[in-house]
Amino acid sequence: IANAQFGNRIFPFPLPTQPLDVHLYWHANVDYDPANQWLRGQCIALLGTTG
């Protein structure tokens, strides 16, 4: 992983957690902006969709 050179490690969270709702919001004037569309696409690809 990118931080392996720093000796960082990943541990499971020790407490039970609830799912988080994630929402994307943007101003209407960037609906068709290629950079904004790309960023939204990356977020959806990473986080998935629920409907």
PDB file of N, CA and C in Angstrom:
ATOM      1  N   ILE A   1       0.852  -1.171   0.000  1.00  0.00           N
ATOM      2  CA  ILE A   1       0.000   0.000   0.000  1.00  0.00           C
ATOM      3  C   ILE A   1       0.901   1.239   0.000  1.00  0.00           C
ATOM      4  N   ALA A   2       0.332   2.367  -0.366  1.00  0.00           N
ATOM      5  CA  ALA A   2       1.111   3.591  -0.529  1.00  0.00           C
ATOM      6  C   ALA A   2       1.891   3.979   0.721  1.00  0.00           C
ATOM      7  N   ASN A   3       1.366   3.708   1.893  1.00  0.00           N
ATOM      8  CA  ASN A   3       2.037   4.110   3.127  1.00  0.00           C
ATOM      9  C   ASN A   3       2.929   3.031   3.717  1.00  0.00           C
ATOM     10  N   ALA A   4       3.136   1.928   3.024  1.00  0.00           N
ATOM     11  CA  ALA A   4       3.948   0.837   3.560  1.00  0.00           C
ATOM     12  C   ALA A   4       5.354   1.308   3.914  1.00  0.00           C
ATOM     13  N   GLN A   5       5.877   2.248   3.164  1.00  0.00           N
ATOM     14  CA  GLN A   5       7.226   2.748   3.432  1.00  0.00           C
ATOM     15  C   GLN A   5       7.322   3.456   4.776  1.00  0.00           C
ATOM     16  N   PHE A   6       6.197   3.879   5.331  1.00  0.00           N
ATOM     17  CA  PHE A   6       6.192   4.571   6.614  1.00  0.00           C
ATOM     18  C   PHE A   6       5.872   3.639   7.776  1.00  0.00           C
ATOM     19  N   GLY A   7       5.661   2.372   7.487  1.00  0.00           N
ATOM     20  CA  GLY A   7       5.380   1.409   8.544  1.00  0.00           C
ATOM     21  C   GLY A   7       3.958   1.461   9.075  1.00  0.00           C
ATOM     22  N   ASN A   8       3.061   2.123   8.359  1.00  0.00           N
ATOM     23  CA  ASN A   8       1.665   2.178   8.802  1.00  0.00           C
ATOM     24  C   ASN A   8       1.020   0.810   8.654  1.00  0.00           C
ATOM     25  N   ARG A   9       0.101   0.504   9.555  1.00  0.00           N
ATOM     26  CA  ARG A   9      -0.631  -0.754   9.491  1.00  0.00           C
ATOM     27  C   ARG A   9      -2.119  -0.464   9.615  1.00  0.00           C
ATOM     28  N   ILE A  10      -2.938  -1.360   9.114  1.00  0.00           N
ATOM     29  CA  ILE A  10      -4.392  -1.221   9.178  1.00  0.00           C
ATOM     30  C   ILE A  10      -4.927  -2.277  10.130  1.00  0.00           C
ATOM     31  N   PHE A  11      -5.739  -1.832  11.079  1.00  0.00           N
ATOM     32  CA  PHE A  11      -6.357  -2.724  12.045  1.00  0.00           C
ATOM     33  C   PHE A  11      -7.867  -2.634  11.920  1.00  0.00           C
ATOM     34  N   PRO A  12      -8.589  -3.711  12.217  1.00  0.00           N
ATOM     35  CA  PRO A  12     -10.049  -3.632  12.228  1.00  0.00           C
ATOM     36  C   PRO A  12     -10.518  -2.701  13.339  1.00  0.00           C
ATOM     37  N   PHE A  13     -11.598  -1.993  13.082  1.00  0.00           N
ATOM     38  CA  PHE A  13     -12.154  -1.098  14.090  1.00  0.00           C
ATOM     39  C   PHE A  13     -12.691  -1.948  15.234  1.00  0.00           C
ATOM     40  N   PRO A  14     -12.359  -1.619  16.477  1.00  0.00           N
ATOM     41  CA  PRO A  14     -12.678  -2.511  17.600  1.00  0.00           C
ATOM     42  C   PRO A  14     -14.124  -2.454  18.096  1.00  0.00           C
ATOM     43  N   LEU A  15     -14.939  -1.574  17.566  1.00  0.00           N
ATOM     44  CA  LEU A  15     -16.319  -1.432  18.027  1.00  0.00           C
ATOM     45  C   LEU A  15     -17.285  -1.681  16.876  1.00  0.00           C
ATOM     46  N   PRO A  16     -18.500  -2.129  17.183  1.00  0.00           N
ATOM     47  CA  PRO A  16     -19.482  -2.291  16.101  1.00  0.00           C
ATOM     48  C   PRO A  16     -19.850  -0.928  15.512  1.00  0.00           C
ATOM     49  N   THR A  17     -20.102  -0.895  14.237  1.00  0.00           N
ATOM     50  CA  THR A  17     -20.459   0.355  13.564  1.00  0.00           C
ATOM     51  C   THR A  17     -21.740   0.173  12.765  1.00  0.00           C
ATOM     52  N   GLN A  18     -22.376   1.269  12.456  1.00  0.00           N
ATOM     53  CA  GLN A  18     -23.564   1.294  11.611  1.00  0.00           C
ATOM     54  C   GLN A  18     -23.150   1.764  10.218  1.00  0.00           C
ATOM     55  N   PRO A  19     -23.851   1.324   9.185  1.00  0.00           N
ATOM     56  CA  PRO A  19     -23.547   1.815   7.835  1.00  0.00           C
ATOM     57  C   PRO A  19     -23.735   3.332   7.755  1.00  0.00           C
ATOM     58  N   LEU A  20     -22.958   3.958   6.897  1.00  0.00           N
ATOM     59  CA  LEU A  20     -23.050   5.399   6.689  1.00  0.00           C
ATOM     60  C   LEU A  20     -23.773   5.687   5.384  1.00  0.00           C
ATOM     61  N   ASP A  21     -24.621   6.697   5.401  1.00  0.00           N
ATOM     62  CA  ASP A  21     -25.220   7.191   4.161  1.00  0.00           C
ATOM     63  C   ASP A  21     -24.257   8.198   3.551  1.00  0.00           C
ATOM     64  N   VAL A  22     -23.960   8.040   2.287  1.00  0.00           N
ATOM     65  CA  VAL A  22     -23.079   8.964   1.582  1.00  0.00           C
ATOM     66  C   VAL A  22     -23.873   9.569   0.437  1.00  0.00           C
ATOM     67  N   HIS A  23     -23.871  10.886   0.353  1.00  0.00           N
ATOM     68  CA  HIS A  23     -24.604  11.598  -0.690  1.00  0.00           C
ATOM     69  C   HIS A  23     -23.644  12.506  -1.445  1.00  0.00           C
ATOM     70  N   LEU A  24     -23.847  12.640  -2.733  1.00  0.00           N
ATOM     71  CA  LEU A  24     -23.072  13.568  -3.549  1.00  0.00           C
ATOM     72  C   LEU A  24     -23.946  14.770  -3.883  1.00  0.00           C
ATOM     73  N   TYR A  25     -23.406  15.941  -3.672  1.00  0.00           N
ATOM     74  CA  TYR A  25     -24.107  17.178  -4.006  1.00  0.00           C
ATOM     75  C   TYR A  25     -23.179  18.040  -4.847  1.00  0.00           C
ATOM     76  N   TRP A  26     -23.731  18.714  -5.841  1.00  0.00           N
ATOM     77  CA  TRP A  26     -22.966  19.646  -6.639  1.00  0.00           C
ATOM     78  C   TRP A  26     -23.905  20.692  -7.192  1.00  0.00           C
ATOM     79  N   HIS A  27     -23.342  21.821  -7.538  1.00  0.00           N
ATOM     80  CA  HIS A  27     -24.117  22.922  -8.100  1.00  0.00           C
ATOM     81  C   HIS A  27     -24.502  22.583  -9.536  1.00  0.00           C
ATOM     82  N   ALA A  28     -25.682  23.001  -9.941  1.00  0.00           N
ATOM     83  CA  ALA A  28     -26.197  22.691 -11.280  1.00  0.00           C
ATOM     84  C   ALA A  28     -25.282  23.198 -12.391  1.00  0.00           C
ATOM     85  N   ASN A  29     -24.516  24.249 -12.126  1.00  0.00           N
ATOM     86  CA  ASN A  29     -23.667  24.785 -13.196  1.00  0.00           C
ATOM     87  C   ASN A  29     -22.463  23.896 -13.504  1.00  0.00           C
ATOM     88  N   VAL A  30     -22.252  22.821 -12.735  1.00  0.00           N
ATOM     89  CA  VAL A  30     -21.166  21.889 -13.053  1.00  0.00           C
ATOM     90  C   VAL A  30     -21.697  20.515 -13.466  1.00  0.00           C
ATOM     91  N   ASP A  31     -22.998  20.431 -13.761  1.00  0.00           N
ATOM     92  CA  ASP A  31     -23.578  19.158 -14.198  1.00  0.00           C
ATOM     93  C   ASP A  31     -22.818  18.551 -15.377  1.00  0.00           C
ATOM     94  N   TYR A  32     -22.417  19.374 -16.311  1.00  0.00           N
ATOM     95  CA  TYR A  32     -21.780  18.889 -17.530  1.00  0.00           C
ATOM     96  C   TYR A  32     -20.283  19.174 -17.571  1.00  0.00           C
ATOM     97  N   ASP A  33     -19.712  19.606 -16.464  1.00  0.00           N
ATOM     98  CA  ASP A  33     -18.277  19.858 -16.388  1.00  0.00           C
ATOM     99  C   ASP A  33     -17.533  18.519 -16.400  1.00  0.00           C
ATOM    100  N   PRO A  34     -16.622  18.311 -17.353  1.00  0.00           N
ATOM    101  CA  PRO A  34     -15.947  17.015 -17.453  1.00  0.00           C
ATOM    102  C   PRO A  34     -15.204  16.605 -16.178  1.00  0.00           C
ATOM    103  N   ALA A  35     -14.546  17.533 -15.528  1.00  0.00           N
ATOM    104  CA  ALA A  35     -13.810  17.191 -14.304  1.00  0.00           C
ATOM    105  C   ALA A  35     -14.771  16.769 -13.196  1.00  0.00           C
ATOM    106  N   ASN A  36     -15.887  17.472 -13.075  1.00  0.00           N
ATOM    107  CA  ASN A  36     -16.865  17.128 -12.047  1.00  0.00           C
ATOM    108  C   ASN A  36     -17.530  15.794 -12.360  1.00  0.00           C
ATOM    109  N   GLN A  37     -17.826  15.553 -13.625  1.00  0.00           N
ATOM    110  CA  GLN A  37     -18.404  14.266 -14.020  1.00  0.00           C
ATOM    111  C   GLN A  37     -17.434  13.127 -13.706  1.00  0.00           C
ATOM    112  N   TRP A  38     -16.157  13.353 -13.970  1.00  0.00           N
ATOM    113  CA  TRP A  38     -15.155  12.328 -13.684  1.00  0.00           C
ATOM    114  C   TRP A  38     -15.110  12.042 -12.182  1.00  0.00           C
ATOM    115  N   LEU A  39     -15.070  13.095 -11.369  1.00  0.00           N
ATOM    116  CA  LEU A  39     -15.001  12.913  -9.923  1.00  0.00           C
ATOM    117  C   LEU A  39     -16.233  12.173  -9.408  1.00  0.00           C
ATOM    118  N   ARG A  40     -17.412  12.544  -9.886  1.00  0.00           N
ATOM    119  CA  ARG A  40     -18.628  11.837  -9.471  1.00  0.00           C
ATOM    120  C   ARG A  40     -18.565  10.368  -9.875  1.00  0.00           C
ATOM    121  N   GLY A  41     -18.079  10.110 -11.073  1.00  0.00           N
ATOM    122  CA  GLY A  41     -17.946   8.732 -11.535  1.00  0.00           C
ATOM    123  C   GLY A  41     -16.985   7.929 -10.673  1.00  0.00           C
ATOM    124  N   GLN A  42     -15.886   8.555 -10.261  1.00  0.00           N
ATOM    125  CA  GLN A  42     -14.923   7.871  -9.397  1.00  0.00           C
ATOM    126  C   GLN A  42     -15.541   7.547  -8.045  1.00  0.00           C
ATOM    127  N   CYS A  43     -16.279   8.495  -7.491  1.00  0.00           N
ATOM    128  CA  CYS A  43     -16.938   8.266  -6.199  1.00  0.00           C
ATOM    129  C   CYS A  43     -17.939   7.126  -6.298  1.00  0.00           C
ATOM    130  N   ILE A  44     -18.732   7.111  -7.357  1.00  0.00           N
ATOM    131  CA  ILE A  44     -19.735   6.059  -7.529  1.00  0.00           C
ATOM    132  C   ILE A  44     -19.059   4.708  -7.742  1.00  0.00           C
ATOM    133  N   ALA A  45     -17.983   4.684  -8.525  1.00  0.00           N
ATOM    134  CA  ALA A  45     -17.275   3.425  -8.758  1.00  0.00           C
ATOM    135  C   ALA A  45     -16.674   2.883  -7.462  1.00  0.00           C
ATOM    136  N   LEU A  46     -16.183   3.770  -6.623  1.00  0.00           N
ATOM    137  CA  LEU A  46     -15.556   3.351  -5.371  1.00  0.00           C
ATOM    138  C   LEU A  46     -16.583   2.964  -4.320  1.00  0.00           C
ATOM    139  N   LEU A  47     -17.621   3.779  -4.193  1.00  0.00           N
ATOM    140  CA  LEU A  47     -18.590   3.580  -3.115  1.00  0.00           C
ATOM    141  C   LEU A  47     -19.796   2.757  -3.535  1.00  0.00           C
ATOM    142  N   GLY A  48     -20.041   2.664  -4.830  1.00  0.00           N
ATOM    143  CA  GLY A  48     -21.188   1.908  -5.318  1.00  0.00           C
ATOM    144  C   GLY A  48     -22.460   2.726  -5.292  1.00  0.00           C
ATOM    145  N   THR A  49     -23.531   2.090  -5.691  1.00  0.00           N
ATOM    146  CA  THR A  49     -24.837   2.742  -5.688  1.00  0.00           C
ATOM    147  C   THR A  49     -25.837   1.846  -4.979  1.00  0.00           C
ATOM    148  N   THR A  50     -26.852   2.450  -4.411  1.00  0.00           N
ATOM    149  CA  THR A  50     -27.901   1.684  -3.744  1.00  0.00           C
ATOM    150  C   THR A  50     -29.254   1.947  -4.363  1.00  0.00           C
ATOM    151  N   GLY A  51     -29.305   2.707  -5.418  1.00  0.00           N
ATOM    152  CA  GLY A  51     -30.579   2.954  -6.055  1.00  0.00           C
ATOM    153  C   GLY A  51     -30.719   4.376  -6.318  1.00  0.00           C
TER     154      GLY A  51
END
